[in-house]
Amino acid sequence: MTVNPREYDAAELRKLAGAESVDESAGGPTQQRPKPDESIRDRQFRNLLALQSERQQLEQLQRPFLTDVPASDVGVDVYEEWLDFLVTVGGHDRAERALSYYRGLKWITPAAEAELKGLIEGFPEPAHDRSLAAGDHRLSLLYVATLASLQ
């Protein structure tokens, strides 16, 4: 006996899975699939929230999140990876502007901003750069929170 998935009742499967029913006359879901890099960022952001909720309750979080740059080996690896990401995506100028933006949002202190900006020139300018998008800033928040958890 073989099982043919095409013979399954989709409504019954949705009900068993606890998913919402779909109006099939509307032509199916209208939501676009995320780009691969967006789904990676979303997964990283969910991991960040899980990590932070284990370490602190949300009401205990205070800005600025990153008061200084950790000097531990793990901290150096994390902030070098973050700066490499910012420079690779946006180049030196946009990376510096992003750090100023994060200071304005009170994610980082002016001292942390100055220290990080001093390290940007050590990364090669990318051949192609683009403006930082919302997902890039969310990923930066992941790095900020990771660095803050290492303090």
C-alpha atoms as a PDB file:
ATOM      1  CA  MET A   1       0.000   0.000   0.000  1.00  0.00           C
ATOM      2  CA  THR A   2       1.443   3.378  -0.980  1.00  0.00           C
ATOM      3  CA  VAL A   3       0.488   6.723   0.440  1.00  0.00           C
ATOM      4  CA  ASN A   4      -0.103   9.505  -2.021  1.00  0.00           C
ATOM      5  CA  PRO A   5       0.279  12.989  -0.446  1.00  0.00           C
ATOM      6  CA  ARG A   6      -1.939  14.474  -3.161  1.00  0.00           C
ATOM      7  CA  GLU A   7      -4.870  12.542  -1.779  1.00  0.00           C
ATOM      8  CA  TYR A   8      -4.660  14.204   1.650  1.00  0.00           C
ATOM      9  CA  ASP A   9      -7.389  16.625   2.638  1.00  0.00           C
ATOM     10  CA  ALA A  10      -5.562  19.960   3.114  1.00  0.00           C
ATOM     11  CA  ALA A  11      -8.196  21.297   5.528  1.00  0.00           C
ATOM     12  CA  GLU A  12      -7.849  18.202   7.707  1.00  0.00           C
ATOM     13  CA  LEU A  13      -4.052  18.516   7.732  1.00  0.00           C
ATOM     14  CA  ARG A  14      -4.290  22.194   8.707  1.00  0.00           C
ATOM     15  CA  LYS A  15      -6.686  21.293  11.506  1.00  0.00           C
ATOM     16  CA  LEU A  16      -4.370  18.554  12.795  1.00  0.00           C
ATOM     17  CA  ALA A  17      -1.420  20.970  12.699  1.00  0.00           C
ATOM     18  CA  GLY A  18      -3.369  23.673  14.511  1.00  0.00           C
ATOM     19  CA  ALA A  19      -2.896  26.085  11.602  1.00  0.00           C
ATOM     20  CA  GLU A  20      -5.438  28.615  10.458  1.00  0.00           C
ATOM     21  CA  SER A  21      -7.701  27.638   7.617  1.00  0.00           C
ATOM     22  CA  VAL A  22      -6.999  29.243   4.261  1.00  0.00           C
ATOM     23  CA  ASP A  23      -9.613  30.655   1.939  1.00  0.00           C
ATOM     24  CA  GLU A  24      -8.644  28.703  -1.173  1.00  0.00           C
ATOM     25  CA  SER A  25     -10.922  30.812  -3.377  1.00  0.00           C
ATOM     26  CA  ALA A  26      -8.666  33.806  -2.717  1.00  0.00           C
ATOM     27  CA  GLY A  27      -5.816  32.168  -4.590  1.00  0.00           C
ATOM     28  CA  GLY A  28      -3.729  31.039  -1.640  1.00  0.00           C
ATOM     29  CA  PRO A  29      -1.456  32.992   0.615  1.00  0.00           C
ATOM     30  CA  THR A  30      -0.525  36.476  -0.543  1.00  0.00           C
ATOM     31  CA  GLN A  31       2.530  36.833   1.658  1.00  0.00           C
ATOM     32  CA  GLN A  32       5.810  36.805  -0.255  1.00  0.00           C
ATOM     33  CA  ARG A  33       8.549  34.429   0.767  1.00  0.00           C
ATOM     34  CA  PRO A  34      11.435  36.136   2.528  1.00  0.00           C
ATOM     35  CA  LYS A  35      14.762  36.362   0.779  1.00  0.00           C
ATOM     36  CA  PRO A  36      17.293  33.849   2.124  1.00  0.00           C
ATOM     37  CA  ASP A  37      19.326  36.522   3.922  1.00  0.00           C
ATOM     38  CA  GLU A  38      16.145  37.923   5.526  1.00  0.00           C
ATOM     39  CA  SER A  39      15.133  34.513   6.862  1.00  0.00           C
ATOM     40  CA  ILE A  40      18.634  34.082   8.303  1.00  0.00           C
ATOM     41  CA  ARG A  41      18.365  37.492   9.982  1.00  0.00           C
ATOM     42  CA  ASP A  42      14.927  36.633  11.349  1.00  0.00           C
ATOM     43  CA  ARG A  43      16.253  33.388  12.794  1.00  0.00           C
ATOM     44  CA  GLN A  44      19.220  35.221  14.319  1.00  0.00           C
ATOM     45  CA  PHE A  45      16.901  37.831  15.814  1.00  0.00           C
ATOM     46  CA  ARG A  46      14.698  35.132  17.374  1.00  0.00           C
ATOM     47  CA  ASN A  47      17.839  33.502  18.791  1.00  0.00           C
ATOM     48  CA  LEU A  48      18.867  36.861  20.224  1.00  0.00           C
ATOM     49  CA  LEU A  49      15.516  37.313  21.921  1.00  0.00           C
ATOM     50  CA  ALA A  50      15.737  33.827  23.401  1.00  0.00           C
ATOM     51  CA  LEU A  51      19.290  34.488  24.625  1.00  0.00           C
ATOM     52  CA  GLN A  52      18.406  37.836  26.126  1.00  0.00           C
ATOM     53  CA  SER A  53      15.223  36.580  27.796  1.00  0.00           C
ATOM     54  CA  GLU A  54      17.273  33.880  29.508  1.00  0.00           C
ATOM     55  CA  ARG A  55      19.839  36.402  30.762  1.00  0.00           C
ATOM     56  CA  GLN A  56      17.560  39.292  31.722  1.00  0.00           C
ATOM     57  CA  GLN A  57      13.921  40.147  31.945  1.00  0.00           C
ATOM     58  CA  LEU A  58      12.895  42.740  29.353  1.00  0.00           C
ATOM     59  CA  GLU A  59      11.906  45.304  31.981  1.00  0.00           C
ATOM     60  CA  GLN A  60      15.498  45.244  33.310  1.00  0.00           C
ATOM     61  CA  LEU A  61      17.017  46.274  29.967  1.00  0.00           C
ATOM     62  CA  GLN A  62      18.290  49.833  29.955  1.00  0.00           C
ATOM     63  CA  ARG A  63      19.772  51.982  27.240  1.00  0.00           C
ATOM     64  CA  PRO A  64      22.494  52.238  26.194  1.00  0.00           C
ATOM     65  CA  PHE A  65      22.798  48.502  25.806  1.00  0.00           C
ATOM     66  CA  LEU A  66      26.517  48.578  24.985  1.00  0.00           C
ATOM     67  CA  THR A  67      28.469  50.832  27.334  1.00  0.00           C
ATOM     68  CA  ASP A  68      31.939  49.719  26.284  1.00  0.00           C
ATOM     69  CA  VAL A  69      33.527  47.257  23.884  1.00  0.00           C
ATOM     70  CA  PRO A  70      34.456  43.975  25.572  1.00  0.00           C
ATOM     71  CA  ALA A  71      38.184  43.193  25.491  1.00  0.00           C
ATOM     72  CA  SER A  72      37.781  39.407  25.841  1.00  0.00           C
ATOM     73  CA  ASP A  73      38.738  37.144  22.942  1.00  0.00           C
ATOM     74  CA  VAL A  74      35.078  36.340  22.312  1.00  0.00           C
ATOM     75  CA  GLY A  75      34.161  40.038  22.450  1.00  0.00           C
ATOM     76  CA  VAL A  76      36.901  40.920  19.945  1.00  0.00           C
ATOM     77  CA  ASP A  77      35.689  38.186  17.592  1.00  0.00           C
ATOM     78  CA  VAL A  78      32.092  39.418  17.837  1.00  0.00           C
ATOM     79  CA  TYR A  79      32.803  43.123  17.271  1.00  0.00           C
ATOM     80  CA  GLU A  80      35.239  42.365  14.426  1.00  0.00           C
ATOM     81  CA  GLU A  81      32.558  40.221  12.773  1.00  0.00           C
ATOM     82  CA  TRP A  82      30.021  43.038  13.259  1.00  0.00           C
ATOM     83  CA  LEU A  83      32.282  45.730  11.849  1.00  0.00           C
ATOM     84  CA  ASP A  84      33.223  43.475   8.941  1.00  0.00           C
ATOM     85  CA  PHE A  85      29.510  43.014   8.238  1.00  0.00           C
ATOM     86  CA  LEU A  86      28.814  46.773   8.364  1.00  0.00           C
ATOM     87  CA  VAL A  87      31.764  47.623   6.112  1.00  0.00           C
ATOM     88  CA  THR A  88      31.064  44.792   3.663  1.00  0.00           C
ATOM     89  CA  VAL A  89      27.445  45.884   3.273  1.00  0.00           C
ATOM     90  CA  GLY A  90      27.781  49.661   3.339  1.00  0.00           C
ATOM     91  CA  GLY A  91      31.429  50.634   3.087  1.00  0.00           C
ATOM     92  CA  HIS A  92      33.379  52.734   5.574  1.00  0.00           C
ATOM     93  CA  ASP A  93      31.205  55.862   5.395  1.00  0.00           C
ATOM     94  CA  ARG A  94      27.892  54.062   5.861  1.00  0.00           C
ATOM     95  CA  ALA A  95      29.355  51.903   8.632  1.00  0.00           C
ATOM     96  CA  GLU A  96      30.439  55.040  10.511  1.00  0.00           C
ATOM     97  CA  ARG A  97      27.044  56.651   9.938  1.00  0.00           C
ATOM     98  CA  ALA A  98      25.357  53.467  11.203  1.00  0.00           C
ATOM     99  CA  LEU A  99      27.399  53.617  14.416  1.00  0.00           C
ATOM    100  CA  SER A 100      26.378  57.265  14.867  1.00  0.00           C
ATOM    101  CA  TYR A 101      22.776  56.234  14.271  1.00  0.00           C
ATOM    102  CA  TYR A 102      23.062  53.496  16.921  1.00  0.00           C
ATOM    103  CA  ARG A 103      24.494  56.052  19.355  1.00  0.00           C
ATOM    104  CA  GLY A 104      21.493  58.283  18.594  1.00  0.00           C
ATOM    105  CA  LEU A 105      19.162  55.377  19.332  1.00  0.00           C
ATOM    106  CA  LYS A 106      21.088  54.865  22.571  1.00  0.00           C
ATOM    107  CA  TRP A 107      22.092  51.340  21.620  1.00  0.00           C
ATOM    108  CA  ILE A 108      25.744  52.257  22.246  1.00  0.00           C
ATOM    109  CA  THR A 109      27.519  54.960  24.249  1.00  0.00           C
ATOM    110  CA  PRO A 110      29.648  57.697  22.657  1.00  0.00           C
ATOM    111  CA  ALA A 111      32.759  55.955  24.049  1.00  0.00           C
ATOM    112  CA  ALA A 112      31.823  52.636  22.404  1.00  0.00           C
ATOM    113  CA  GLU A 113      31.030  54.481  19.169  1.00  0.00           C
ATOM    114  CA  ALA A 114      34.426  56.202  19.145  1.00  0.00           C
ATOM    115  CA  GLU A 115      36.275  52.963  19.814  1.00  0.00           C
ATOM    116  CA  LEU A 116      34.388  51.074  17.095  1.00  0.00           C
ATOM    117  CA  LYS A 117      34.787  53.892  14.563  1.00  0.00           C
ATOM    118  CA  GLY A 118      38.541  53.814  15.178  1.00  0.00           C
ATOM    119  CA  LEU A 119      38.600  50.172  14.090  1.00  0.00           C
ATOM    120  CA  ILE A 120      36.616  50.564  10.862  1.00  0.00           C
ATOM    121  CA  GLU A 121      39.573  51.703   8.759  1.00  0.00           C
ATOM    122  CA  GLY A 122      41.225  48.321   9.367  1.00  0.00           C
ATOM    123  CA  PHE A 123      38.663  46.644   7.122  1.00  0.00           C
ATOM    124  CA  PRO A 124      39.002  46.733   3.323  1.00  0.00           C
ATOM    125  CA  GLU A 125      36.530  48.881   1.394  1.00  0.00           C
ATOM    126  CA  PRO A 126      34.145  46.578  -0.525  1.00  0.00           C
ATOM    127  CA  ALA A 127      33.978  46.617  -4.313  1.00  0.00           C
ATOM    128  CA  HIS A 128      30.202  47.045  -4.166  1.00  0.00           C
ATOM    129  CA  ASP A 129      28.272  48.550  -1.301  1.00  0.00           C
ATOM    130  CA  ARG A 130      24.672  49.479  -0.652  1.00  0.00           C
ATOM    131  CA  SER A 131      22.598  51.337   1.881  1.00  0.00           C
ATOM    132  CA  LEU A 132      21.895  49.512   5.092  1.00  0.00           C
ATOM    133  CA  ALA A 133      18.350  48.150   5.256  1.00  0.00           C
ATOM    134  CA  ALA A 134      16.089  47.547   8.241  1.00  0.00           C
ATOM    135  CA  GLY A 135      17.200  43.924   8.400  1.00  0.00           C
ATOM    136  CA  ASP A 136      20.826  45.052   8.581  1.00  0.00           C
ATOM    137  CA  HIS A 137      20.028  47.289  11.538  1.00  0.00           C
ATOM    138  CA  ARG A 138      18.187  44.433  13.239  1.00  0.00           C
ATOM    139  CA  LEU A 139      21.248  42.269  12.767  1.00  0.00           C
ATOM    140  CA  SER A 140      23.326  45.075  14.270  1.00  0.00           C
ATOM    141  CA  LEU A 141      21.047  45.023  17.303  1.00  0.00           C
ATOM    142  CA  LEU A 142      21.816  41.312  17.571  1.00  0.00           C
ATOM    143  CA  TYR A 143      25.536  42.131  17.646  1.00  0.00           C
ATOM    144  CA  VAL A 144      24.997  44.925  20.178  1.00  0.00           C
ATOM    145  CA  ALA A 145      23.028  42.635  22.480  1.00  0.00           C
ATOM    146  CA  THR A 146      25.596  39.855  22.114  1.00  0.00           C
ATOM    147  CA  LEU A 147      28.408  42.264  22.988  1.00  0.00           C
ATOM    148  CA  ALA A 148      26.390  43.661  25.899  1.00  0.00           C
ATOM    149  CA  SER A 149      25.900  40.146  27.253  1.00  0.00           C
ATOM    150  CA  LEU A 150      29.693  39.724  27.285  1.00  0.00           C
ATOM    151  CA  GLN A 151      30.272  42.783  29.514  1.00  0.00           C
END
